[in-house]
PDB file of all heavy atoms in Angstrom:
ATOM      1  N   ASP A   1      48.348  -0.029   6.833  1.00  0.00           N
ATOM      2  CA  ASP A   1      49.278  -0.829   6.039  1.00  0.00           C
ATOM      3  C   ASP A   1      48.593  -1.528   4.870  1.00  0.00           C
ATOM      4  O   ASP A   1      49.196  -2.361   4.202  1.00  0.00           O
ATOM      5  CB  ASP A   1      49.954  -1.883   6.922  1.00  0.00           C
ATOM      6  CG  ASP A   1      50.919  -1.266   7.918  1.00  0.00           C
ATOM      7  OD1 ASP A   1      51.291  -0.092   7.729  1.00  0.00           O
ATOM      8  OD2 ASP A   1      51.305  -1.956   8.874  1.00  0.00           O
ATOM      9  N   GLY A   2      47.316  -1.200   4.617  1.00  0.00           N
ATOM     10  CA  GLY A   2      46.564  -1.850   3.551  1.00  0.00           C
ATOM     11  C   GLY A   2      45.519  -2.797   4.110  1.00  0.00           C
ATOM     12  O   GLY A   2      45.481  -3.078   5.313  1.00  0.00           O
ATOM     13  N   ALA A   3      44.657  -3.297   3.232  1.00  0.00           N
ATOM     14  CA  ALA A   3      43.580  -4.201   3.657  1.00  0.00           C
ATOM     15  C   ALA A   3      44.159  -5.551   4.068  1.00  0.00           C
ATOM     16  O   ALA A   3      45.094  -6.061   3.440  1.00  0.00           O
ATOM     17  CB  ALA A   3      42.574  -4.390   2.526  1.00  0.00           C
ATOM     18  N   VAL A   4      43.611  -6.127   5.151  1.00  0.00           N
ATOM     19  CA  VAL A   4      44.053  -7.435   5.631  1.00  0.00           C
ATOM     20  C   VAL A   4      42.829  -8.307   5.906  1.00  0.00           C
ATOM     21  O   VAL A   4      41.739  -7.800   6.182  1.00  0.00           O
ATOM     22  CB  VAL A   4      44.914  -7.316   6.907  1.00  0.00           C
ATOM     23  CG1 VAL A   4      46.157  -6.485   6.649  1.00  0.00           C
ATOM     24  CG2 VAL A   4      44.106  -6.712   8.052  1.00  0.00           C
ATOM     25  N   THR A   5      43.031  -9.610   5.834  1.00  0.00           N
ATOM     26  CA  THR A   5      41.966 -10.570   6.128  1.00  0.00           C
ATOM     27  C   THR A   5      42.189 -11.135   7.515  1.00  0.00           C
ATOM     28  O   THR A   5      43.287 -11.602   7.841  1.00  0.00           O
ATOM     29  CB  THR A   5      41.957 -11.711   5.102  1.00  0.00           C
ATOM     30  OG1 THR A   5      41.763 -11.165   3.796  1.00  0.00           O
ATOM     31  CG2 THR A   5      40.829 -12.690   5.397  1.00  0.00           C
ATOM     32  N   VAL A   6      41.137 -11.102   8.344  1.00  0.00           N
ATOM     33  CA  VAL A   6      41.222 -11.583   9.723  1.00  0.00           C
ATOM     34  C   VAL A   6      40.038 -12.502  10.004  1.00  0.00           C
ATOM     35  O   VAL A   6      39.086 -12.575   9.219  1.00  0.00           O
ATOM     36  CB  VAL A   6      41.241 -10.409  10.722  1.00  0.00           C
ATOM     37  CG1 VAL A   6      42.390  -9.461  10.431  1.00  0.00           C
ATOM     38  CG2 VAL A   6      39.913  -9.654  10.712  1.00  0.00           C
ATOM     39  N   ASN A   7      40.093 -13.187  11.129  1.00  0.00           N
ATOM     40  CA  ASN A   7      38.989 -14.045  11.562  1.00  0.00           C
ATOM     41  C   ASN A   7      38.005 -13.240  12.400  1.00  0.00           C
ATOM     42  O   ASN A   7      38.409 -12.510  13.310  1.00  0.00           O
ATOM     43  CB  ASN A   7      39.515 -15.219  12.391  1.00  0.00           C
ATOM     44  CG  ASN A   7      40.354 -16.171  11.575  1.00  0.00           C
ATOM     45  OD1 ASN A   7      39.879 -16.761  10.611  1.00  0.00           O
ATOM     46  ND2 ASN A   7      41.619 -16.322  11.944  1.00  0.00           N
ATOM     47  N   ARG A   8      36.722 -13.418  12.100  1.00  0.00           N
ATOM     48  CA  ARG A   8      35.654 -12.771  12.867  1.00  0.00           C
ATOM     49  C   ARG A   8      34.830 -13.853  13.555  1.00  0.00           C
ATOM     50  O   ARG A   8      34.310 -14.759  12.898  1.00  0.00           O
ATOM     51  CB  ARG A   8      34.769 -11.929  11.952  1.00  0.00           C
ATOM     52  CG  ARG A   8      33.480 -11.433  12.614  1.00  0.00           C
ATOM     53  CD  ARG A   8      32.688 -10.543  11.684  1.00  0.00           C
ATOM     54  NE  ARG A   8      31.354 -10.262  12.204  1.00  0.00           N
ATOM     55  CZ  ARG A   8      30.540  -9.299  11.745  1.00  0.00           C
ATOM     56  NH1 ARG A   8      30.937  -8.525  10.742  1.00  0.00           N
ATOM     57  NH2 ARG A   8      29.353  -9.106  12.275  1.00  0.00           N
ATOM     58  N   TYR A   9      34.716 -13.772  14.884  1.00  0.00           N
ATOM     59  CA  TYR A   9      33.978 -14.757  15.670  1.00  0.00           C
ATOM     60  C   TYR A   9      32.904 -14.063  16.514  1.00  0.00           C
ATOM     61  O   TYR A   9      33.194 -13.055  17.174  1.00  0.00           O
ATOM     62  CB  TYR A   9      34.915 -15.513  16.607  1.00  0.00           C
ATOM     63  CG  TYR A   9      35.498 -16.774  16.001  1.00  0.00           C
ATOM     64  CD1 TYR A   9      36.384 -16.704  14.934  1.00  0.00           C
ATOM     65  CD2 TYR A   9      35.172 -18.033  16.492  1.00  0.00           C
ATOM     66  CE1 TYR A   9      36.927 -17.848  14.382  1.00  0.00           C
ATOM     67  CE2 TYR A   9      35.705 -19.189  15.942  1.00  0.00           C
ATOM     68  CZ  TYR A   9      36.586 -19.085  14.891  1.00  0.00           C
ATOM     69  OH  TYR A   9      37.113 -20.224  14.332  1.00  0.00           O
ATOM     70  N   LEU A  10      31.707 -14.616  16.501  1.00  0.00           N
ATOM     71  CA  LEU A  10      30.651 -14.228  17.433  1.00  0.00           C
ATOM     72  C   LEU A  10      30.653 -15.255  18.554  1.00  0.00           C
ATOM     73  O   LEU A  10      30.513 -16.456  18.306  1.00  0.00           O
ATOM     74  CB  LEU A  10      29.290 -14.189  16.746  1.00  0.00           C
ATOM     75  CG  LEU A  10      28.083 -13.911  17.652  1.00  0.00           C
ATOM     76  CD1 LEU A  10      28.195 -12.535  18.305  1.00  0.00           C
ATOM     77  CD2 LEU A  10      26.780 -14.032  16.861  1.00  0.00           C
ATOM     78  N   LEU A  11      30.829 -14.784  19.807  1.00  0.00           N
ATOM     79  CA  LEU A  11      31.016 -15.681  20.947  1.00  0.00           C
ATOM     80  C   LEU A  11      29.928 -15.480  21.992  1.00  0.00           C
ATOM     81  O   LEU A  11      29.351 -14.388  22.115  1.00  0.00           O
ATOM     82  CB  LEU A  11      32.380 -15.416  21.588  1.00  0.00           C
ATOM     83  CG  LEU A  11      33.598 -15.489  20.670  1.00  0.00           C
ATOM     84  CD1 LEU A  11      34.825 -14.956  21.389  1.00  0.00           C
ATOM     85  CD2 LEU A  11      33.826 -16.915  20.197  1.00  0.00           C
ATOM     86  N   GLN A  12      29.683 -16.539  22.753  1.00  0.00           N
ATOM     87  CA  GLN A  12      28.727 -16.454  23.853  1.00  0.00           C
ATOM     88  C   GLN A  12      29.261 -17.240  25.037  1.00  0.00           C
ATOM     89  O   GLN A  12      29.799 -18.339  24.892  1.00  0.00           O
ATOM     90  CB  GLN A  12      27.353 -17.002  23.456  1.00  0.00           C
ATOM     91  CG  GLN A  12      26.313 -16.884  24.563  1.00  0.00           C
ATOM     92  CD  GLN A  12      24.899 -17.136  24.072  1.00  0.00           C
ATOM     93  OE1 GLN A  12      24.661 -17.299  22.884  1.00  0.00           O
ATOM     94  NE2 GLN A  12      23.952 -17.169  24.981  1.00  0.00           N
ATOM     95  N   ASN A  13      29.115 -16.645  26.218  1.00  0.00           N
ATOM     96  CA  ASN A  13      29.478 -17.292  27.476  1.00  0.00           C
ATOM     97  C   ASN A  13      28.366 -16.994  28.465  1.00  0.00           C
ATOM     98  O   ASN A  13      28.295 -15.909  29.022  1.00  0.00           O
ATOM     99  CB  ASN A  13      30.823 -16.759  27.990  1.00  0.00           C
ATOM    100  CG  ASN A  13      31.322 -17.530  29.196  1.00  0.00           C
ATOM    101  OD1 ASN A  13      30.578 -18.256  29.848  1.00  0.00           O
ATOM    102  ND2 ASN A  13      32.603 -17.370  29.503  1.00  0.00           N
ATOM    103  N   GLY A  14      27.474 -17.947  28.640  1.00  0.00           N
ATOM    104  CA  GLY A  14      26.300 -17.701  29.472  1.00  0.00           C
ATOM    105  C   GLY A  14      25.420 -16.637  28.850  1.00  0.00           C
ATOM    106  O   GLY A  14      24.999 -16.753  27.698  1.00  0.00           O
ATOM    107  N   ASP A  15      25.172 -15.572  29.608  1.00  0.00           N
ATOM    108  CA  ASP A  15      24.337 -14.474  29.106  1.00  0.00           C
ATOM    109  C   ASP A  15      25.151 -13.405  28.375  1.00  0.00           C
ATOM    110  O   ASP A  15      24.585 -12.419  27.904  1.00  0.00           O
ATOM    111  CB  ASP A  15      23.586 -13.804  30.268  1.00  0.00           C
ATOM    112  CG  ASP A  15      22.584 -14.748  30.921  1.00  0.00           C
ATOM    113  OD1 ASP A  15      22.071 -15.643  30.209  1.00  0.00           O
ATOM    114  OD2 ASP A  15      22.327 -14.592  32.130  1.00  0.00           O
ATOM    115  N   HIS A  16      26.446 -13.600  28.282  1.00  0.00           N
ATOM    116  CA  HIS A  16      27.314 -12.590  27.687  1.00  0.00           C
ATOM    117  C   HIS A  16      27.694 -12.972  26.260  1.00  0.00           C
ATOM    118  O   HIS A  16      27.995 -14.132  25.967  1.00  0.00           O
ATOM    119  CB  HIS A  16      28.586 -12.419  28.524  1.00  0.00           C
ATOM    120  CG  HIS A  16      28.318 -12.040  29.947  1.00  0.00           C
ATOM    121  ND1 HIS A  16      27.935 -10.775  30.331  1.00  0.00           N
ATOM    122  CD2 HIS A  16      28.378 -12.780  31.086  1.00  0.00           C
ATOM    123  CE1 HIS A  16      27.766 -10.735  31.631  1.00  0.00           C
ATOM    124  NE2 HIS A  16      28.035 -11.943  32.124  1.00  0.00           N
ATOM    125  N   LYS A  17      27.697 -11.970  25.388  1.00  0.00           N
ATOM    126  CA  LYS A  17      28.147 -12.160  24.008  1.00  0.00           C
ATOM    127  C   LYS A  17      29.288 -11.188  23.711  1.00  0.00           C
ATOM    128  O   LYS A  17      29.371 -10.115  24.304  1.00  0.00           O
ATOM    129  CB  LYS A  17      26.998 -11.936  23.014  1.00  0.00           C
ATOM    130  CG  LYS A  17      25.961 -13.043  23.009  1.00  0.00           C
ATOM    131  CD  LYS A  17      24.934 -12.818  21.896  1.00  0.00           C
ATOM    132  CE  LYS A  17      23.927 -13.954  21.850  1.00  0.00           C
ATOM    133  NZ  LYS A  17      22.946 -13.775  20.755  1.00  0.00           N
ATOM    134  N   ALA A  18      30.138 -11.597  22.791  1.00  0.00           N
ATOM    135  CA  ALA A  18      31.267 -10.752  22.422  1.00  0.00           C
ATOM    136  C   ALA A  18      31.619 -11.001  20.968  1.00  0.00           C
ATOM    137  O   ALA A  18      31.294 -12.047  20.389  1.00  0.00           O
ATOM    138  CB  ALA A  18      32.467 -11.030  23.321  1.00  0.00           C
ATOM    139  N   LEU A  19      32.288 -10.036  20.377  1.00  0.00           N
ATOM    140  CA  LEU A  19      32.770 -10.124  18.999  1.00  0.00           C
ATOM    141  C   LEU A  19      34.297 -10.135  19.052  1.00  0.00           C
ATOM    142  O   LEU A  19      34.908  -9.263  19.672  1.00  0.00           O
ATOM    143  CB  LEU A  19      32.261  -8.929  18.196  1.00  0.00           C
ATOM    144  CG  LEU A  19      32.402  -8.865  16.674  1.00  0.00           C
ATOM    145  CD1 LEU A  19      33.834  -8.612  16.237  1.00  0.00           C
ATOM    146  CD2 LEU A  19      31.854 -10.112  16.024  1.00  0.00           C
ATOM    147  N   ALA A  20      34.901 -11.126  18.432  1.00  0.00           N
ATOM    148  CA  ALA A  20      36.356 -11.243  18.431  1.00  0.00           C
ATOM    149  C   ALA A  20      36.902 -11.185  17.010  1.00  0.00           C
ATOM    150  O   ALA A  20      36.318 -11.752  16.087  1.00  0.00           O
ATOM    151  CB  ALA A  20      36.796 -12.544  19.096  1.00  0.00           C
ATOM    152  N   LEU A  21      37.996 -10.488  16.843  1.00  0.00           N
ATOM    153  CA  LEU A  21      38.804 -10.532  15.624  1.00  0.00           C
ATOM    154  C   LEU A  21      40.178 -11.053  16.022  1.00  0.00           C
ATOM    155  O   LEU A  21      40.727 -10.637  17.043  1.00  0.00           O
ATOM    156  CB  LEU A  21      38.963  -9.144  14.999  1.00  0.00           C
ATOM    157  CG  LEU A  21      37.708  -8.409  14.518  1.00  0.00           C
ATOM    158  CD1 LEU A  21      38.104  -7.070  13.906  1.00  0.00           C
ATOM    159  CD2 LEU A  21      36.926  -9.233  13.514  1.00  0.00           C
ATOM    160  N   TYR A  22      40.728 -11.973  15.228  1.00  0.00           N
ATOM    161  CA  TYR A  22      42.099 -12.394  15.500  1.00  0.00           C
ATOM    162  C   TYR A  22      42.801 -12.777  14.215  1.00  0.00           C
ATOM    163  O   TYR A  22      42.182 -13.133  13.219  1.00  0.00           O
ATOM    164  CB  TYR A  22      42.149 -13.521  16.539  1.00  0.00           C
ATOM    165  CG  TYR A  22      41.776 -14.902  16.053  1.00  0.00           C
ATOM    166  CD1 TYR A  22      42.741 -15.760  15.496  1.00  0.00           C
ATOM    167  CD2 TYR A  22      40.478 -15.386  16.181  1.00  0.00           C
ATOM    168  CE1 TYR A  22      42.406 -17.034  15.073  1.00  0.00           C
ATOM    169  CE2 TYR A  22      40.139 -16.655  15.766  1.00  0.00           C
ATOM    170  CZ  TYR A  22      41.116 -17.478  15.217  1.00  0.00           C
ATOM    171  OH  TYR A  22      40.779 -18.740  14.794  1.00  0.00           O
ATOM    172  N   TRP A  23      44.125 -12.688  14.278  1.00  0.00           N
ATOM    173  CA  TRP A  23      44.957 -13.015  13.118  1.00  0.00           C
ATOM    174  C   TRP A  23      46.377 -13.321  13.586  1.00  0.00           C
ATOM    175  O   TRP A  23      46.734 -13.105  14.750  1.00  0.00           O
ATOM    176  CB  TRP A  23      44.957 -11.861  12.122  1.00  0.00           C
ATOM    177  CG  TRP A  23      45.564 -10.585  12.617  1.00  0.00           C
ATOM    178  CD1 TRP A  23      46.876 -10.175  12.530  1.00  0.00           C
ATOM    179  CD2 TRP A  23      44.878  -9.535  13.319  1.00  0.00           C
ATOM    180  NE1 TRP A  23      47.045  -8.948  13.104  1.00  0.00           N
ATOM    181  CE2 TRP A  23      45.838  -8.528  13.602  1.00  0.00           C
ATOM    182  CE3 TRP A  23      43.556  -9.344  13.719  1.00  0.00           C
ATOM    183  CZ2 TRP A  23      45.500  -7.355  14.277  1.00  0.00           C
ATOM    184  CZ3 TRP A  23      43.221  -8.174  14.400  1.00  0.00           C
ATOM    185  CH2 TRP A  23      44.188  -7.198  14.660  1.00  0.00           C
ATOM    186  N   TYR A  24      47.170 -13.845  12.671  1.00  0.00           N
ATOM    187  CA  TYR A  24      48.579 -14.160  12.924  1.00  0.00           C
ATOM    188  C   TYR A  24      49.435 -13.172  12.131  1.00  0.00           C
ATOM    189  O   TYR A  24      49.196 -12.954  10.949  1.00  0.00           O
ATOM    190  CB  TYR A  24      48.893 -15.592  12.496  1.00  0.00           C
ATOM    191  CG  TYR A  24      48.066 -16.618  13.223  1.00  0.00           C
ATOM    192  CD1 TYR A  24      46.770 -16.945  12.788  1.00  0.00           C
ATOM    193  CD2 TYR A  24      48.548 -17.264  14.355  1.00  0.00           C
ATOM    194  CE1 TYR A  24      46.001 -17.872  13.458  1.00  0.00           C
ATOM    195  CE2 TYR A  24      47.780 -18.205  15.031  1.00  0.00           C
ATOM    196  CZ  TYR A  24      46.509 -18.510  14.578  1.00  0.00           C
ATOM    197  OH  TYR A  24      45.740 -19.425  15.237  1.00  0.00           O
ATOM    198  N   GLN A  25      50.444 -12.619  12.793  1.00  0.00           N
ATOM    199  CA  GLN A  25      51.234 -11.561  12.160  1.00  0.00           C
ATOM    200  C   GLN A  25      52.714 -11.808  12.418  1.00  0.00           C
ATOM    201  O   GLN A  25      53.149 -11.954  13.560  1.00  0.00           O
ATOM    202  CB  GLN A  25      50.815 -10.201  12.721  1.00  0.00           C
ATOM    203  CG  GLN A  25      51.434  -9.003  12.025  1.00  0.00           C
ATOM    204  CD  GLN A  25      50.739  -7.699  12.402  1.00  0.00           C
ATOM    205  OE1 GLN A  25      49.639  -7.693  12.961  1.00  0.00           O
ATOM    206  NE2 GLN A  25      51.353  -6.582  12.076  1.00  0.00           N
ATOM    207  N   GLY A  26      53.483 -11.864  11.330  1.00  0.00           N
ATOM    208  CA  GLY A  26      54.914 -12.057  11.493  1.00  0.00           C
ATOM    209  C   GLY A  26      55.576 -12.510  10.210  1.00  0.00           C
ATOM    210  O   GLY A  26      54.929 -12.999   9.287  1.00  0.00           O
ATOM    211  N   ARG A  27      56.883 -12.322  10.149  1.00  0.00           N
ATOM    212  CA  ARG A  27      57.688 -12.735   9.003  1.00  0.00           C
ATOM    213  C   ARG A  27      57.154 -12.147   7.702  1.00  0.00           C
ATOM    214  O   ARG A  27      57.150 -12.781   6.656  1.00  0.00           O
ATOM    215  CB  ARG A  27      57.788 -14.261   8.908  1.00  0.00           C
ATOM    216  CG  ARG A  27      58.262 -14.926  10.200  1.00  0.00           C
ATOM    217  CD  ARG A  27      58.577 -16.397  10.028  1.00  0.00           C
ATOM    218  NE  ARG A  27      57.519 -17.156   9.417  1.00  0.00           N
ATOM    219  CZ  ARG A  27      56.439 -17.622  10.064  1.00  0.00           C
ATOM    220  NH1 ARG A  27      56.291 -17.372  11.357  1.00  0.00           N
ATOM    221  NH2 ARG A  27      55.516 -18.327   9.441  1.00  0.00           N
ATOM    222  N   GLY A  28      56.660 -10.896   7.792  1.00  0.00           N
ATOM    223  CA  GLY A  28      56.189 -10.184   6.612  1.00  0.00           C
ATOM    224  C   GLY A  28      54.791 -10.524   6.167  1.00  0.00           C
ATOM    225  O   GLY A  28      54.381 -10.125   5.075  1.00  0.00           O
ATOM    226  N   ARG A  29      54.026 -11.251   6.993  1.00  0.00           N
ATOM    227  CA  ARG A  29      52.685 -11.669   6.586  1.00  0.00           C
ATOM    228  C   ARG A  29      51.656 -11.373   7.670  1.00  0.00           C
ATOM    229  O   ARG A  29      51.976 -11.326   8.852  1.00  0.00           O
ATOM    230  CB  ARG A  29      52.632 -13.176   6.311  1.00  0.00           C
ATOM    231  CG  ARG A  29      53.614 -13.697   5.288  1.00  0.00           C
ATOM    232  CD  ARG A  29      53.382 -15.192   5.086  1.00  0.00           C
ATOM    233  NE  ARG A  29      54.387 -15.787   4.227  1.00  0.00           N
ATOM    234  CZ  ARG A  29      55.515 -16.336   4.661  1.00  0.00           C
ATOM    235  NH1 ARG A  29      55.776 -16.363   5.967  1.00  0.00           N
ATOM    236  NH2 ARG A  29      56.385 -16.865   3.825  1.00  0.00           N
ATOM    237  N   ILE A  30      50.409 -11.220   7.226  1.00  0.00           N
ATOM    238  CA  ILE A  30      49.248 -11.244   8.106  1.00  0.00           C
ATOM    239  C   ILE A  30      48.320 -12.301   7.538  1.00  0.00           C
ATOM    240  O   ILE A  30      47.926 -12.231   6.367  1.00  0.00           O
ATOM    241  CB  ILE A  30      48.553  -9.883   8.183  1.00  0.00           C
ATOM    242  CG1 ILE A  30      49.472  -8.863   8.874  1.00  0.00           C
ATOM    243  CG2 ILE A  30      47.224  -9.988   8.923  1.00  0.00           C
ATOM    244  CD1 ILE A  30      48.913  -7.465   8.899  1.00  0.00           C
ATOM    245  N   GLU A  31      47.982 -13.300   8.359  1.00  0.00           N
ATOM    246  CA  GLU A  31      47.222 -14.444   7.850  1.00  0.00           C
ATOM    247  C   GLU A  31      46.121 -14.818   8.839  1.00  0.00           C
ATOM    248  O   GLU A  31      46.293 -14.726  10.053  1.00  0.00           O
ATOM    249  CB  GLU A  31      48.170 -15.633   7.634  1.00  0.00           C
ATOM    250  CG  GLU A  31      47.524 -16.869   7.033  1.00  0.00           C
ATOM    251  CD  GLU A  31      46.854 -16.592   5.699  1.00  0.00           C
ATOM    252  OE1 GLU A  31      47.558 -16.222   4.743  1.00  0.00           O
ATOM    253  OE2 GLU A  31      45.610 -16.718   5.640  1.00  0.00           O
TER     254      GLU A  31
END
């Protein structure tokens, strides 16, 4: 649907790490 801007987070929980992407989508927008 085209390029979008999202949040990128590097997370850690004890010995575990993860990469998260999140965004809000609705009413004709991605924010």
